[in-house]
Amino acid sequence: MSMYKAMLDLSIQLNPVVTSSMKKMKLIVLMHKMSKIMKLMLVVNYLSMMN
């Protein structure tokens, strides 16, 4: 039981670190998706200008 409590305390202490790293990961993923969308938009614009 005390082992469980120790692990719980540790997870509570680590929680802010984990949450901030998760947020950073989400931000990186979001930026990656945005850049993909931007590239797609550029390609579409380029193709529409060609026609």
N, C-alpha and C. Protein backbone atom coordinates (compact mmCIF):
# COMPACT_ATOMS: atom_id res chain seq x y z
N MET A 1 0.83 -1.21 0.00
CA MET A 1 0.00 0.00 0.00
C MET A 1 0.87 1.26 0.00
N SER A 2 1.92 1.24 0.85
CA SER A 2 2.81 2.41 0.91
C SER A 2 3.57 2.58 -0.41
N MET A 3 3.87 1.45 -1.07
CA MET A 3 4.52 1.48 -2.38
C MET A 3 3.63 2.22 -3.38
N TYR A 4 2.35 1.88 -3.35
CA TYR A 4 1.37 2.52 -4.22
C TYR A 4 1.30 4.02 -3.95
N LYS A 5 1.29 4.37 -2.65
CA LYS A 5 1.23 5.78 -2.26
C LYS A 5 2.48 6.53 -2.73
N ALA A 6 3.63 5.89 -2.62
CA ALA A 6 4.89 6.49 -3.07
C ALA A 6 4.84 6.75 -4.57
N MET A 7 4.34 5.76 -5.31
CA MET A 7 4.22 5.91 -6.76
C MET A 7 3.23 7.02 -7.11
N LEU A 8 2.15 7.10 -6.35
CA LEU A 8 1.15 8.13 -6.57
C LEU A 8 1.75 9.52 -6.33
N ASP A 9 2.51 9.65 -5.23
CA ASP A 9 3.17 10.92 -4.92
C ASP A 9 4.14 11.30 -6.04
N LEU A 10 4.88 10.32 -6.51
CA LEU A 10 5.85 10.56 -7.58
C LEU A 10 5.15 11.02 -8.85
N SER A 11 4.05 10.35 -9.20
CA SER A 11 3.31 10.73 -10.41
C SER A 11 2.72 12.13 -10.28
N ILE A 12 2.29 12.49 -9.06
CA ILE A 12 1.76 13.84 -8.83
C ILE A 12 2.87 14.87 -9.00
N GLN A 13 4.08 14.55 -8.50
CA GLN A 13 5.22 15.46 -8.64
C GLN A 13 5.64 15.59 -10.10
N LEU A 14 5.60 14.48 -10.84
CA LEU A 14 6.02 14.49 -12.24
C LEU A 14 4.95 15.04 -13.18
N ASN A 15 3.72 15.09 -12.69
CA ASN A 15 2.60 15.48 -13.55
C ASN A 15 2.80 16.79 -14.32
N PRO A 16 3.25 17.89 -13.68
CA PRO A 16 3.44 19.13 -14.44
C PRO A 16 4.46 18.97 -15.57
N VAL A 17 5.53 18.22 -15.31
CA VAL A 17 6.55 17.98 -16.33
C VAL A 17 5.95 17.21 -17.50
N VAL A 18 5.21 16.16 -17.18
CA VAL A 18 4.56 15.34 -18.20
C VAL A 18 3.56 16.17 -19.01
N THR A 19 2.76 16.97 -18.31
CA THR A 19 1.75 17.77 -19.00
C THR A 19 2.40 18.78 -19.93
N SER A 20 3.47 19.44 -19.47
CA SER A 20 4.13 20.44 -20.31
C SER A 20 4.77 19.80 -21.53
N SER A 21 5.37 18.61 -21.34
CA SER A 21 5.97 17.92 -22.49
C SER A 21 4.90 17.45 -23.46
N MET A 22 3.75 17.02 -22.93
CA MET A 22 2.63 16.62 -23.78
C MET A 22 2.14 17.82 -24.61
N LYS A 23 2.04 18.98 -23.95
CA LYS A 23 1.61 20.19 -24.65
C LYS A 23 2.59 20.54 -25.75
N LYS A 24 3.89 20.41 -25.45
CA LYS A 24 4.91 20.69 -26.46
C LYS A 24 4.77 19.74 -27.64
N MET A 25 4.54 18.46 -27.33
CA MET A 25 4.35 17.47 -28.39
C MET A 25 3.13 17.83 -29.25
N LYS A 26 2.04 18.18 -28.60
CA LYS A 26 0.83 18.57 -29.32
C LYS A 26 1.10 19.77 -30.21
N LEU A 27 1.87 20.73 -29.69
CA LEU A 27 2.21 21.92 -30.45
C LEU A 27 3.04 21.57 -31.68
N ILE A 28 4.02 20.67 -31.48
CA ILE A 28 4.88 20.24 -32.59
C ILE A 28 4.04 19.53 -33.66
N VAL A 29 3.15 18.64 -33.22
CA VAL A 29 2.27 17.92 -34.15
C VAL A 29 1.38 18.90 -34.90
N LEU A 30 0.83 19.87 -34.16
CA LEU A 30 -0.03 20.89 -34.76
C LEU A 30 0.72 21.69 -35.81
N MET A 31 1.95 22.11 -35.48
CA MET A 31 2.77 22.87 -36.42
C MET A 31 3.09 22.05 -37.65
N HIS A 32 3.35 20.75 -37.44
CA HIS A 32 3.64 19.85 -38.55
C HIS A 32 2.43 19.74 -39.48
N LYS A 33 1.25 19.58 -38.89
CA LYS A 33 0.02 19.51 -39.68
C LYS A 33 -0.21 20.81 -40.43
N MET A 34 0.02 21.94 -39.75
CA MET A 34 -0.16 23.25 -40.37
C MET A 34 0.76 23.41 -41.56
N SER A 35 2.02 23.00 -41.42
CA SER A 35 2.96 23.14 -42.53
C SER A 35 2.55 22.27 -43.72
N LYS A 36 2.02 21.08 -43.42
CA LYS A 36 1.51 20.21 -44.49
C LYS A 36 0.36 20.89 -45.23
N ILE A 37 -0.56 21.47 -44.46
CA ILE A 37 -1.71 22.17 -45.05
C ILE A 37 -1.24 23.35 -45.88
N MET A 38 -0.26 24.09 -45.35
CA MET A 38 0.28 25.26 -46.07
C MET A 38 0.89 24.83 -47.40
N LYS A 39 1.66 23.73 -47.38
CA LYS A 39 2.27 23.22 -48.61
C LYS A 39 1.19 22.83 -49.61
N LEU A 40 0.17 22.17 -49.13
CA LEU A 40 -0.94 21.74 -49.97
C LEU A 40 -1.62 22.95 -50.61
N MET A 41 -1.84 23.98 -49.79
CA MET A 41 -2.45 25.22 -50.30
C MET A 41 -1.58 25.86 -51.38
N LEU A 42 -0.28 25.88 -51.15
CA LEU A 42 0.65 26.45 -52.13
C LEU A 42 0.59 25.68 -53.45
N VAL A 43 0.56 24.36 -53.35
CA VAL A 43 0.49 23.52 -54.55
C VAL A 43 -0.82 23.79 -55.29
N VAL A 44 -1.92 23.85 -54.55
CA VAL A 44 -3.22 24.13 -55.16
C VAL A 44 -3.23 25.49 -55.84
N ASN A 45 -2.68 26.49 -55.15
CA ASN A 45 -2.59 27.84 -55.74
C ASN A 45 -1.76 27.82 -57.02
N TYR A 46 -0.63 27.14 -56.96
CA TYR A 46 0.26 27.05 -58.11
C TYR A 46 -0.43 26.40 -59.30
N LEU A 47 -1.14 25.29 -59.02
CA LEU A 47 -1.85 24.57 -60.08
C LEU A 47 -2.98 25.42 -60.66
N SER A 48 -3.68 26.13 -59.81
CA SER A 48 -4.78 26.98 -60.29
C SER A 48 -4.25 28.15 -61.13
N MET A 49 -3.06 28.63 -60.80
CA MET A 49 -2.44 29.69 -61.60
C MET A 49 -1.99 29.17 -62.96
N MET A 50 -1.56 27.93 -62.98
CA MET A 50 -1.10 27.31 -64.24
C MET A 50 -2.26 27.16 -65.23
N ASN A 51 -3.42 26.77 -64.72
CA ASN A 51 -4.57 26.52 -65.60
C ASN A 51 -5.17 27.81 -66.16
